Amino acid sequence: MSLDRELRQLSKAKAKAQRSGQLREEAALCHQLGELLASHGCYAEALQEHQQELQLLETTDDPLGCAVAHRKIGERLAEMEDYSAALQHQHRYLELAHSLSNYIEQQRAWATIGRTHLDIYDHHQSQDALLQAQTAFEKSLAIVEEKLEGTLAKRELSEMRTRLYLNLGLTFESLQEMALCNAYFKKSIFLAE
């Protein structure tokens, strides 16, 4: 299906949900539109959809939905290289996940924050950004090891570890700590196989 056709269908469904006052359905459609637009590089338009999603979810008292919307807003802002605003939303995501005692979302929040710091390093060569990325990835990994072990399917845990090991490998490569870089890359490759 073409992008234009998918956008028309989702927009039509969103307008219908809006007319009938189905706020959660409208928010879900904003989320889908935002993801679709972002996957085609339309970050500003995607950001608007996720911002509307957040506003709708705030009115329906859905803290988990609000947390995820903050993550998506942060991701879009990072893709637009507005890192300061991205980190604000990602930290709000983390706060909400923490307030809900949702370890899966806390793990994702730290991983997202770490990736944003890696992006900052890639654009500005900031050593501090690398150290912030390392800290965030290590906190994410600690949650996987200490809180999620035994609560999720082994495959899902393995995928989380694989991504975190890869991100830590990239971080240590940029820090020019090659022994740690290679160790994390090997762990990532081993789990991915």
N, C-alpha and C. Protein backbone atom coordinates (compact mmCIF):
# COMPACT_ATOMS: atom_id res chain seq x y z
N MET A 1 0.85 -1.18 0.00
CA MET A 1 0.00 0.00 0.00
C MET A 1 0.89 1.24 0.00
N SER A 2 0.50 2.24 -0.78
CA SER A 2 1.31 3.45 -0.88
C SER A 2 1.18 4.28 0.40
N LEU A 3 2.18 5.12 0.61
CA LEU A 3 2.17 5.99 1.79
C LEU A 3 0.93 6.88 1.78
N ASP A 4 0.64 7.49 0.63
CA ASP A 4 -0.52 8.39 0.55
C ASP A 4 -1.81 7.68 0.92
N ARG A 5 -1.96 6.47 0.43
CA ARG A 5 -3.19 5.72 0.71
C ARG A 5 -3.28 5.38 2.19
N GLU A 6 -2.16 4.92 2.78
CA GLU A 6 -2.15 4.60 4.22
C GLU A 6 -2.47 5.84 5.05
N LEU A 7 -1.87 6.97 4.67
CA LEU A 7 -2.11 8.22 5.40
C LEU A 7 -3.59 8.62 5.30
N ARG A 8 -4.17 8.49 4.12
CA ARG A 8 -5.59 8.83 3.95
C ARG A 8 -6.47 7.94 4.81
N GLN A 9 -6.19 6.63 4.82
CA GLN A 9 -7.01 5.71 5.60
C GLN A 9 -6.91 6.01 7.10
N LEU A 10 -5.69 6.22 7.58
CA LEU A 10 -5.51 6.50 9.00
C LEU A 10 -6.12 7.86 9.38
N SER A 11 -5.96 8.85 8.51
CA SER A 11 -6.52 10.17 8.78
C SER A 11 -8.05 10.13 8.81
N LYS A 12 -8.62 9.35 7.91
CA LYS A 12 -10.07 9.19 7.88
C LYS A 12 -10.57 8.52 9.16
N ALA A 13 -9.87 7.47 9.58
CA ALA A 13 -10.25 6.78 10.81
C ALA A 13 -10.07 7.69 12.03
N LYS A 14 -9.02 8.51 12.00
CA LYS A 14 -8.78 9.45 13.09
C LYS A 14 -9.90 10.49 13.17
N ALA A 15 -10.31 11.01 12.02
CA ALA A 15 -11.40 12.00 12.00
C ALA A 15 -12.70 11.38 12.52
N LYS A 16 -12.94 10.13 12.15
CA LYS A 16 -14.15 9.43 12.62
C LYS A 16 -14.11 9.28 14.14
N ALA A 17 -12.95 8.87 14.68
CA ALA A 17 -12.80 8.71 16.14
C ALA A 17 -12.99 10.06 16.84
N GLN A 18 -12.48 11.10 16.21
CA GLN A 18 -12.60 12.45 16.79
C GLN A 18 -14.07 12.88 16.82
N ARG A 19 -14.79 12.66 15.72
CA ARG A 19 -16.20 13.05 15.66
C ARG A 19 -17.04 12.30 16.69
N SER A 20 -16.69 11.05 16.96
CA SER A 20 -17.48 10.25 17.89
C SER A 20 -16.96 10.34 19.33
N GLY A 21 -15.93 11.18 19.56
CA GLY A 21 -15.44 11.40 20.91
C GLY A 21 -14.66 10.24 21.50
N GLN A 22 -14.13 9.38 20.66
CA GLN A 22 -13.33 8.24 21.13
C GLN A 22 -11.87 8.67 21.26
N LEU A 23 -11.54 9.25 22.41
CA LEU A 23 -10.23 9.86 22.60
C LEU A 23 -9.09 8.84 22.54
N ARG A 24 -9.27 7.70 23.17
CA ARG A 24 -8.21 6.68 23.15
C ARG A 24 -7.98 6.15 21.73
N GLU A 25 -9.04 5.94 20.99
CA GLU A 25 -8.92 5.48 19.61
C GLU A 25 -8.23 6.55 18.76
N GLU A 26 -8.61 7.80 18.96
CA GLU A 26 -7.98 8.90 18.24
C GLU A 26 -6.48 8.96 18.58
N ALA A 27 -6.15 8.79 19.85
CA ALA A 27 -4.74 8.80 20.26
C ALA A 27 -3.97 7.65 19.61
N ALA A 28 -4.60 6.47 19.56
CA ALA A 28 -3.94 5.31 18.94
C ALA A 28 -3.69 5.57 17.45
N LEU A 29 -4.61 6.25 16.81
CA LEU A 29 -4.44 6.57 15.39
C LEU A 29 -3.38 7.65 15.19
N CYS A 30 -3.30 8.61 16.12
CA CYS A 30 -2.21 9.59 16.08
C CYS A 30 -0.87 8.87 16.18
N HIS A 31 -0.81 7.89 17.08
CA HIS A 31 0.42 7.10 17.26
C HIS A 31 0.80 6.40 15.96
N GLN A 32 -0.18 5.74 15.35
CA GLN A 32 0.08 5.03 14.08
C GLN A 32 0.52 5.99 12.99
N LEU A 33 -0.16 7.13 12.90
CA LEU A 33 0.23 8.13 11.90
C LEU A 33 1.65 8.63 12.15
N GLY A 34 1.98 8.89 13.41
CA GLY A 34 3.32 9.35 13.75
C GLY A 34 4.38 8.34 13.36
N GLU A 35 4.13 7.08 13.66
CA GLU A 35 5.09 6.03 13.31
C GLU A 35 5.24 5.91 11.79
N LEU A 36 4.13 5.95 11.07
CA LEU A 36 4.17 5.85 9.61
C LEU A 36 4.93 7.03 9.01
N LEU A 37 4.61 8.23 9.46
CA LEU A 37 5.29 9.42 8.94
C LEU A 37 6.79 9.37 9.23
N ALA A 38 7.14 8.98 10.45
CA ALA A 38 8.56 8.91 10.82
C ALA A 38 9.30 7.87 9.99
N SER A 39 8.64 6.75 9.70
CA SER A 39 9.30 5.70 8.91
C SER A 39 9.60 6.17 7.48
N HIS A 40 8.96 7.26 7.07
CA HIS A 40 9.20 7.83 5.75
C HIS A 40 9.96 9.15 5.83
N GLY A 41 10.54 9.44 7.00
CA GLY A 41 11.39 10.61 7.15
C GLY A 41 10.65 11.93 7.35
N CYS A 42 9.35 11.86 7.58
CA CYS A 42 8.55 13.08 7.79
C CYS A 42 8.48 13.36 9.29
N TYR A 43 9.61 13.76 9.87
CA TYR A 43 9.72 13.86 11.33
C TYR A 43 8.88 14.97 11.93
N ALA A 44 8.81 16.12 11.29
CA ALA A 44 8.05 17.24 11.85
C ALA A 44 6.56 16.89 11.90
N GLU A 45 6.05 16.28 10.84
CA GLU A 45 4.65 15.88 10.81
C GLU A 45 4.38 14.77 11.83
N ALA A 46 5.33 13.84 11.95
CA ALA A 46 5.20 12.76 12.93
C ALA A 46 5.19 13.34 14.35
N LEU A 47 6.05 14.32 14.58
CA LEU A 47 6.10 14.97 15.89
C LEU A 47 4.74 15.57 16.25
N GLN A 48 4.11 16.22 15.30
CA GLN A 48 2.79 16.81 15.56
C GLN A 48 1.77 15.74 15.95
N GLU A 49 1.83 14.60 15.28
CA GLU A 49 0.89 13.51 15.61
C GLU A 49 1.14 12.99 17.03
N HIS A 50 2.40 12.83 17.39
CA HIS A 50 2.71 12.32 18.73
C HIS A 50 2.39 13.35 19.81
N GLN A 51 2.54 14.63 19.50
CA GLN A 51 2.15 15.67 20.45
C GLN A 51 0.64 15.65 20.68
N GLN A 52 -0.12 15.47 19.60
CA GLN A 52 -1.57 15.37 19.73
C GLN A 52 -1.95 14.10 20.51
N GLU A 53 -1.24 13.02 20.24
CA GLU A 53 -1.45 11.77 20.98
C GLU A 53 -1.27 12.01 22.48
N LEU A 54 -0.21 12.71 22.85
CA LEU A 54 0.06 12.99 24.26
C LEU A 54 -1.08 13.82 24.87
N GLN A 55 -1.52 14.85 24.17
CA GLN A 55 -2.61 15.70 24.69
C GLN A 55 -3.88 14.88 24.93
N LEU A 56 -4.20 14.01 24.00
CA LEU A 56 -5.39 13.17 24.13
C LEU A 56 -5.27 12.21 25.31
N LEU A 57 -4.10 11.61 25.46
CA LEU A 57 -3.91 10.64 26.54
C LEU A 57 -3.87 11.31 27.90
N GLU A 58 -3.41 12.55 27.95
CA GLU A 58 -3.43 13.28 29.22
C GLU A 58 -4.88 13.51 29.67
N THR A 59 -5.78 13.73 28.72
CA THR A 59 -7.18 13.96 29.09
C THR A 59 -7.89 12.66 29.48
N THR A 60 -7.35 11.51 29.07
CA THR A 60 -7.98 10.23 29.42
C THR A 60 -7.32 9.58 30.63
N ASP A 61 -6.39 10.28 31.25
CA ASP A 61 -5.70 9.78 32.45
C ASP A 61 -5.07 8.41 32.18
N ASP A 62 -4.17 8.38 31.20
CA ASP A 62 -3.47 7.15 30.81
C ASP A 62 -1.96 7.39 30.97
N PRO A 63 -1.42 7.18 32.18
CA PRO A 63 -0.01 7.50 32.41
C PRO A 63 0.96 6.66 31.58
N LEU A 64 0.65 5.38 31.36
CA LEU A 64 1.54 4.56 30.53
C LEU A 64 1.51 5.05 29.09
N GLY A 65 0.32 5.35 28.58
CA GLY A 65 0.22 5.89 27.22
C GLY A 65 0.97 7.21 27.10
N CYS A 66 0.85 8.06 28.13
CA CYS A 66 1.58 9.34 28.14
C CYS A 66 3.08 9.10 28.14
N ALA A 67 3.53 8.11 28.90
CA ALA A 67 4.96 7.80 28.94
C ALA A 67 5.46 7.43 27.55
N VAL A 68 4.74 6.54 26.88
CA VAL A 68 5.14 6.11 25.54
C VAL A 68 5.09 7.28 24.55
N ALA A 69 4.09 8.13 24.69
CA ALA A 69 4.01 9.31 23.80
C ALA A 69 5.21 10.23 24.02
N HIS A 70 5.63 10.40 25.27
CA HIS A 70 6.84 11.19 25.53
C HIS A 70 8.06 10.55 24.86
N ARG A 71 8.14 9.21 24.91
CA ARG A 71 9.26 8.53 24.23
C ARG A 71 9.25 8.84 22.74
N LYS A 72 8.06 8.73 22.15
CA LYS A 72 7.96 8.96 20.70
C LYS A 72 8.29 10.42 20.35
N ILE A 73 7.81 11.36 21.16
CA ILE A 73 8.14 12.77 20.93
C ILE A 73 9.65 12.95 21.02
N GLY A 74 10.26 12.34 22.04
CA GLY A 74 11.71 12.42 22.19
C GLY A 74 12.46 11.83 21.00
N GLU A 75 11.98 10.70 20.51
CA GLU A 75 12.62 10.08 19.34
C GLU A 75 12.53 10.99 18.12
N ARG A 76 11.35 11.58 17.89
CA ARG A 76 11.19 12.47 16.74
C ARG A 76 12.09 13.70 16.88
N LEU A 77 12.14 14.28 18.08
CA LEU A 77 13.00 15.45 18.30
C LEU A 77 14.47 15.10 18.08
N ALA A 78 14.88 13.92 18.51
CA ALA A 78 16.27 13.50 18.30
C ALA A 78 16.54 13.34 16.80
N GLU A 79 15.57 12.79 16.07
CA GLU A 79 15.74 12.64 14.62
C GLU A 79 15.85 14.01 13.94
N MET A 80 15.25 15.02 14.57
CA MET A 80 15.32 16.39 14.04
C MET A 80 16.52 17.15 14.64
N GLU A 81 17.33 16.43 15.44
CA GLU A 81 18.55 16.96 16.06
C GLU A 81 18.29 18.04 17.10
N ASP A 82 17.11 18.03 17.71
CA ASP A 82 16.81 18.92 18.84
C ASP A 82 17.01 18.08 20.10
N TYR A 83 18.28 17.89 20.43
CA TYR A 83 18.64 16.92 21.47
C TYR A 83 18.21 17.35 22.87
N SER A 84 18.29 18.62 23.16
CA SER A 84 17.91 19.09 24.49
C SER A 84 16.43 18.80 24.76
N ALA A 85 15.58 19.15 23.81
CA ALA A 85 14.15 18.88 23.96
C ALA A 85 13.88 17.38 23.95
N ALA A 86 14.62 16.64 23.13
CA ALA A 86 14.46 15.18 23.08
C ALA A 86 14.72 14.57 24.44
N LEU A 87 15.82 14.99 25.06
CA LEU A 87 16.18 14.43 26.37
C LEU A 87 15.16 14.81 27.44
N GLN A 88 14.59 15.99 27.33
CA GLN A 88 13.55 16.38 28.30
C GLN A 88 12.37 15.41 28.24
N HIS A 89 11.93 15.10 27.03
CA HIS A 89 10.80 14.17 26.88
C HIS A 89 11.19 12.75 27.28
N GLN A 90 12.41 12.35 26.96
CA GLN A 90 12.84 11.00 27.32
C GLN A 90 12.98 10.85 28.83
N HIS A 91 13.42 11.90 29.50
CA HIS A 91 13.49 11.83 30.97
C HIS A 91 12.09 11.85 31.58
N ARG A 92 11.16 12.55 30.95
CA ARG A 92 9.77 12.51 31.43
C ARG A 92 9.21 11.10 31.25
N TYR A 93 9.54 10.47 30.15
CA TYR A 93 9.17 9.07 29.91
C TYR A 93 9.70 8.19 31.04
N LEU A 94 10.97 8.38 31.38
CA LEU A 94 11.58 7.60 32.45
C LEU A 94 10.87 7.85 33.79
N GLU A 95 10.57 9.12 34.09
CA GLU A 95 9.88 9.45 35.34
C GLU A 95 8.52 8.76 35.43
N LEU A 96 7.77 8.80 34.34
CA LEU A 96 6.45 8.15 34.34
C LEU A 96 6.57 6.64 34.48
N ALA A 97 7.54 6.05 33.78
CA ALA A 97 7.75 4.60 33.88
C ALA A 97 8.13 4.22 35.31
N HIS A 98 8.96 5.05 35.93
CA HIS A 98 9.37 4.81 37.32
C HIS A 98 8.17 4.93 38.26
N SER A 99 7.35 5.94 38.05
CA SER A 99 6.19 6.14 38.93
C SER A 99 5.20 4.98 38.82
N LEU A 100 5.21 4.30 37.68
CA LEU A 100 4.32 3.15 37.47
C LEU A 100 4.99 1.83 37.87
N SER A 101 6.25 1.91 38.30
CA SER A 101 7.05 0.71 38.60
C SER A 101 7.07 -0.25 37.42
N ASN A 102 7.15 0.32 36.22
CA ASN A 102 7.15 -0.48 35.00
C ASN A 102 8.60 -0.63 34.54
N TYR A 103 9.18 -1.80 34.86
CA TYR A 103 10.60 -2.00 34.58
C TYR A 103 10.89 -2.13 33.08
N ILE A 104 9.97 -2.68 32.32
CA ILE A 104 10.18 -2.79 30.88
C ILE A 104 10.32 -1.39 30.28
N GLU A 105 9.43 -0.49 30.65
CA GLU A 105 9.50 0.87 30.11
C GLU A 105 10.69 1.64 30.67
N GLN A 106 11.08 1.36 31.92
CA GLN A 106 12.28 2.00 32.47
C GLN A 106 13.51 1.57 31.68
N GLN A 107 13.58 0.27 31.37
CA GLN A 107 14.70 -0.24 30.57
C GLN A 107 14.73 0.43 29.21
N ARG A 108 13.58 0.54 28.57
CA ARG A 108 13.51 1.19 27.26
C ARG A 108 13.89 2.67 27.35
N ALA A 109 13.45 3.32 28.44
CA ALA A 109 13.75 4.74 28.61
C ALA A 109 15.26 4.95 28.69
N TRP A 110 15.94 4.16 29.52
CA TRP A 110 17.39 4.32 29.63
C TRP A 110 18.08 4.03 28.30
N ALA A 111 17.61 2.99 27.58
CA ALA A 111 18.22 2.68 26.28
C ALA A 111 18.00 3.83 25.29
N THR A 112 16.82 4.42 25.30
CA THR A 112 16.51 5.54 24.41
C THR A 112 17.37 6.75 24.75
N ILE A 113 17.52 7.03 26.04
CA ILE A 113 18.37 8.13 26.48
C ILE A 113 19.81 7.88 26.04
N GLY A 114 20.27 6.65 26.18
CA GLY A 114 21.62 6.31 25.75
C GLY A 114 21.82 6.53 24.26
N ARG A 115 20.85 6.11 23.45
CA ARG A 115 20.97 6.31 21.99
C ARG A 115 21.00 7.79 21.64
N THR A 116 20.22 8.59 22.36
CA THR A 116 20.22 10.03 22.09
C THR A 116 21.60 10.61 22.40
N HIS A 117 22.19 10.19 23.49
CA HIS A 117 23.55 10.67 23.81
C HIS A 117 24.56 10.20 22.77
N LEU A 118 24.40 9.00 22.22
CA LEU A 118 25.28 8.56 21.13
C LEU A 118 25.10 9.45 19.90
N ASP A 119 23.85 9.81 19.61
CA ASP A 119 23.59 10.73 18.49
C ASP A 119 24.26 12.09 18.74
N ILE A 120 24.18 12.57 19.96
CA ILE A 120 24.83 13.84 20.30
C ILE A 120 26.32 13.73 20.04
N TYR A 121 26.92 12.61 20.47
CA TYR A 121 28.35 12.42 20.22
C TYR A 121 28.64 12.42 18.72
N ASP A 122 27.83 11.70 17.95
CA ASP A 122 28.05 11.62 16.51
C ASP A 122 28.03 13.00 15.85
N HIS A 123 27.22 13.92 16.37
CA HIS A 123 27.11 15.24 15.76
C HIS A 123 28.04 16.28 16.36
N HIS A 124 28.41 16.09 17.62
CA HIS A 124 29.18 17.14 18.29
C HIS A 124 30.49 16.66 18.90
N GLN A 125 30.80 15.37 18.80
CA GLN A 125 32.04 14.79 19.32
C GLN A 125 32.27 15.14 20.79
N SER A 126 31.21 15.13 21.56
CA SER A 126 31.27 15.47 22.99
C SER A 126 31.60 14.23 23.81
N GLN A 127 32.73 14.28 24.52
CA GLN A 127 33.13 13.18 25.38
C GLN A 127 32.10 12.95 26.48
N ASP A 128 31.53 14.03 26.99
CA ASP A 128 30.52 13.93 28.03
C ASP A 128 29.31 13.13 27.52
N ALA A 129 28.94 13.34 26.26
CA ALA A 129 27.81 12.60 25.69
C ALA A 129 28.09 11.10 25.70
N LEU A 130 29.33 10.71 25.43
CA LEU A 130 29.67 9.29 25.46
C LEU A 130 29.56 8.72 26.87
N LEU A 131 30.01 9.47 27.84
CA LEU A 131 29.92 9.00 29.23
C LEU A 131 28.47 8.91 29.68
N GLN A 132 27.65 9.86 29.23
CA GLN A 132 26.21 9.81 29.54
C GLN A 132 25.57 8.60 28.86
N ALA A 133 25.98 8.31 27.62
CA ALA A 133 25.46 7.14 26.91
C ALA A 133 25.83 5.86 27.65
N GLN A 134 27.10 5.77 28.06
CA GLN A 134 27.57 4.59 28.78
C GLN A 134 26.74 4.38 30.05
N THR A 135 26.56 5.42 30.82
CA THR A 135 25.78 5.33 32.06
C THR A 135 24.36 4.87 31.79
N ALA A 136 23.72 5.45 30.78
CA ALA A 136 22.34 5.09 30.45
C ALA A 136 22.23 3.63 30.01
N PHE A 137 23.14 3.19 29.14
CA PHE A 137 23.10 1.80 28.69
C PHE A 137 23.36 0.83 29.84
N GLU A 138 24.27 1.19 30.73
CA GLU A 138 24.55 0.32 31.88
C GLU A 138 23.34 0.24 32.82
N LYS A 139 22.64 1.36 33.00
CA LYS A 139 21.42 1.33 33.83
C LYS A 139 20.34 0.47 33.18
N SER A 140 20.22 0.58 31.87
CA SER A 140 19.25 -0.24 31.14
C SER A 140 19.58 -1.72 31.29
N LEU A 141 20.86 -2.05 31.12
CA LEU A 141 21.29 -3.44 31.24
C LEU A 141 21.07 -3.97 32.66
N ALA A 142 21.31 -3.13 33.66
CA ALA A 142 21.09 -3.54 35.05
C ALA A 142 19.62 -3.88 35.28
N ILE A 143 18.71 -3.13 34.69
CA ILE A 143 17.28 -3.43 34.83
C ILE A 143 16.96 -4.77 34.18
N VAL A 144 17.55 -5.02 33.01
CA VAL A 144 17.33 -6.32 32.35
C VAL A 144 17.79 -7.44 33.28
N GLU A 145 19.00 -7.29 33.84
CA GLU A 145 19.58 -8.35 34.66
C GLU A 145 18.85 -8.52 36.00
N GLU A 146 18.49 -7.41 36.64
CA GLU A 146 17.98 -7.46 38.00
C GLU A 146 16.47 -7.51 38.11
N LYS A 147 15.77 -6.94 37.15
CA LYS A 147 14.30 -6.82 37.28
C LYS A 147 13.51 -7.63 36.25
N LEU A 148 14.10 -7.83 35.08
CA LEU A 148 13.31 -8.46 34.01
C LEU A 148 13.60 -9.93 33.81
N GLU A 149 14.73 -10.40 34.31
CA GLU A 149 15.08 -11.81 34.19
C GLU A 149 13.96 -12.65 34.80
N GLY A 150 13.44 -13.57 34.01
CA GLY A 150 12.37 -14.45 34.50
C GLY A 150 10.97 -13.88 34.34
N THR A 151 10.86 -12.62 33.92
CA THR A 151 9.53 -12.02 33.75
C THR A 151 9.13 -11.90 32.28
N LEU A 152 10.10 -12.03 31.40
CA LEU A 152 9.85 -11.93 29.96
C LEU A 152 10.33 -13.20 29.27
N ALA A 153 9.88 -13.40 28.06
CA ALA A 153 10.35 -14.53 27.26
C ALA A 153 11.86 -14.40 27.04
N LYS A 154 12.53 -15.55 27.00
CA LYS A 154 13.99 -15.54 26.84
C LYS A 154 14.40 -14.81 25.57
N ARG A 155 13.64 -14.97 24.51
CA ARG A 155 13.99 -14.32 23.25
C ARG A 155 13.95 -12.79 23.39
N GLU A 156 12.92 -12.28 24.06
CA GLU A 156 12.81 -10.83 24.24
C GLU A 156 13.97 -10.31 25.09
N LEU A 157 14.30 -11.02 26.16
CA LEU A 157 15.44 -10.63 27.00
C LEU A 157 16.74 -10.68 26.19
N SER A 158 16.88 -11.69 25.36
CA SER A 158 18.07 -11.84 24.54
C SER A 158 18.19 -10.68 23.55
N GLU A 159 17.07 -10.28 22.95
CA GLU A 159 17.09 -9.14 22.02
C GLU A 159 17.46 -7.85 22.74
N MET A 160 16.94 -7.66 23.95
CA MET A 160 17.28 -6.46 24.73
C MET A 160 18.79 -6.44 25.01
N ARG A 161 19.31 -7.58 25.49
CA ARG A 161 20.74 -7.66 25.79
C ARG A 161 21.59 -7.43 24.54
N THR A 162 21.18 -8.05 23.43
CA THR A 162 21.94 -7.92 22.18
C THR A 162 22.07 -6.45 21.78
N ARG A 163 20.96 -5.71 21.83
CA ARG A 163 21.00 -4.28 21.46
C ARG A 163 21.85 -3.48 22.44
N LEU A 164 21.71 -3.78 23.72
CA LEU A 164 22.48 -3.04 24.72
C LEU A 164 23.97 -3.34 24.60
N TYR A 165 24.33 -4.60 24.39
CA TYR A 165 25.75 -4.94 24.19
C TYR A 165 26.30 -4.24 22.96
N LEU A 166 25.52 -4.21 21.88
CA LEU A 166 25.96 -3.52 20.68
C LEU A 166 26.16 -2.03 20.95
N ASN A 167 25.19 -1.41 21.62
CA ASN A 167 25.31 0.02 21.93
C ASN A 167 26.48 0.31 22.86
N LEU A 168 26.70 -0.56 23.84
CA LEU A 168 27.86 -0.39 24.71
C LEU A 168 29.16 -0.58 23.92
N GLY A 169 29.17 -1.54 23.00
CA GLY A 169 30.35 -1.72 22.14
C GLY A 169 30.65 -0.47 21.33
N LEU A 170 29.62 0.11 20.74
CA LEU A 170 29.80 1.35 19.96
C LEU A 170 30.29 2.49 20.85
N THR A 171 29.74 2.55 22.07
CA THR A 171 30.15 3.61 23.00
C THR A 171 31.62 3.45 23.36
N PHE A 172 32.03 2.23 23.72
CA PHE A 172 33.43 2.01 24.09
C PHE A 172 34.38 2.15 22.90
N GLU A 173 33.90 1.86 21.69
CA GLU A 173 34.70 2.10 20.50
C GLU A 173 35.00 3.59 20.36
N SER A 174 33.98 4.43 20.55
CA SER A 174 34.17 5.87 20.46
C SER A 174 35.04 6.40 21.60
N LEU A 175 34.97 5.73 22.76
CA LEU A 175 35.82 6.11 23.90
C LEU A 175 37.24 5.58 23.73
N GLN A 176 37.47 4.83 22.67
CA GLN A 176 38.76 4.21 22.34
C GLN A 176 39.21 3.24 23.42
N GLU A 177 38.24 2.56 24.01
CA GLU A 177 38.52 1.49 24.97
C GLU A 177 38.23 0.17 24.25
N MET A 178 39.24 -0.27 23.48
CA MET A 178 39.01 -1.35 22.54
C MET A 178 38.76 -2.71 23.20
N ALA A 179 39.35 -2.96 24.36
CA ALA A 179 39.11 -4.25 25.01
C ALA A 179 37.63 -4.38 25.40
N LEU A 180 37.06 -3.33 26.00
CA LEU A 180 35.65 -3.34 26.35
C LEU A 180 34.78 -3.35 25.10
N CYS A 181 35.17 -2.58 24.10
CA CYS A 181 34.44 -2.55 22.83
C CYS A 181 34.32 -3.96 22.27
N ASN A 182 35.46 -4.65 22.15
CA ASN A 182 35.45 -5.99 21.57
C ASN A 182 34.66 -6.97 22.42
N ALA A 183 34.77 -6.85 23.74
CA ALA A 183 34.03 -7.76 24.62
C ALA A 183 32.52 -7.61 24.42
N TYR A 184 32.06 -6.35 24.33
CA TYR A 184 30.61 -6.14 24.14
C TYR A 184 30.16 -6.55 22.74
N PHE A 185 30.99 -6.29 21.71
CA PHE A 185 30.63 -6.73 20.37
C PHE A 185 30.51 -8.25 20.33
N LYS A 186 31.47 -8.95 20.96
CA LYS A 186 31.42 -10.42 20.97
C LYS A 186 30.16 -10.92 21.66
N LYS A 187 29.81 -10.31 22.80
CA LYS A 187 28.59 -10.71 23.51
C LYS A 187 27.37 -10.50 22.62
N SER A 188 27.33 -9.36 21.92
CA SER A 188 26.21 -9.04 21.05
C SER A 188 26.11 -10.06 19.91
N ILE A 189 27.24 -10.37 19.29
CA ILE A 189 27.25 -11.31 18.18
C ILE A 189 26.83 -12.69 18.66
N PHE A 190 27.35 -13.12 19.80
CA PHE A 190 27.02 -14.43 20.35
C PHE A 190 25.53 -14.57 20.56
N LEU A 191 24.91 -13.55 21.15
CA LEU A 191 23.46 -13.61 21.40
C LEU A 191 22.66 -13.53 20.12
N ALA A 192 23.16 -12.79 19.14
CA ALA A 192 22.42 -12.61 17.89
C ALA A 192 22.40 -13.88 17.05
N GLU A 193 23.39 -14.74 17.24
CA GLU A 193 23.48 -15.96 16.41
C GLU A 193 22.48 -17.02 16.80
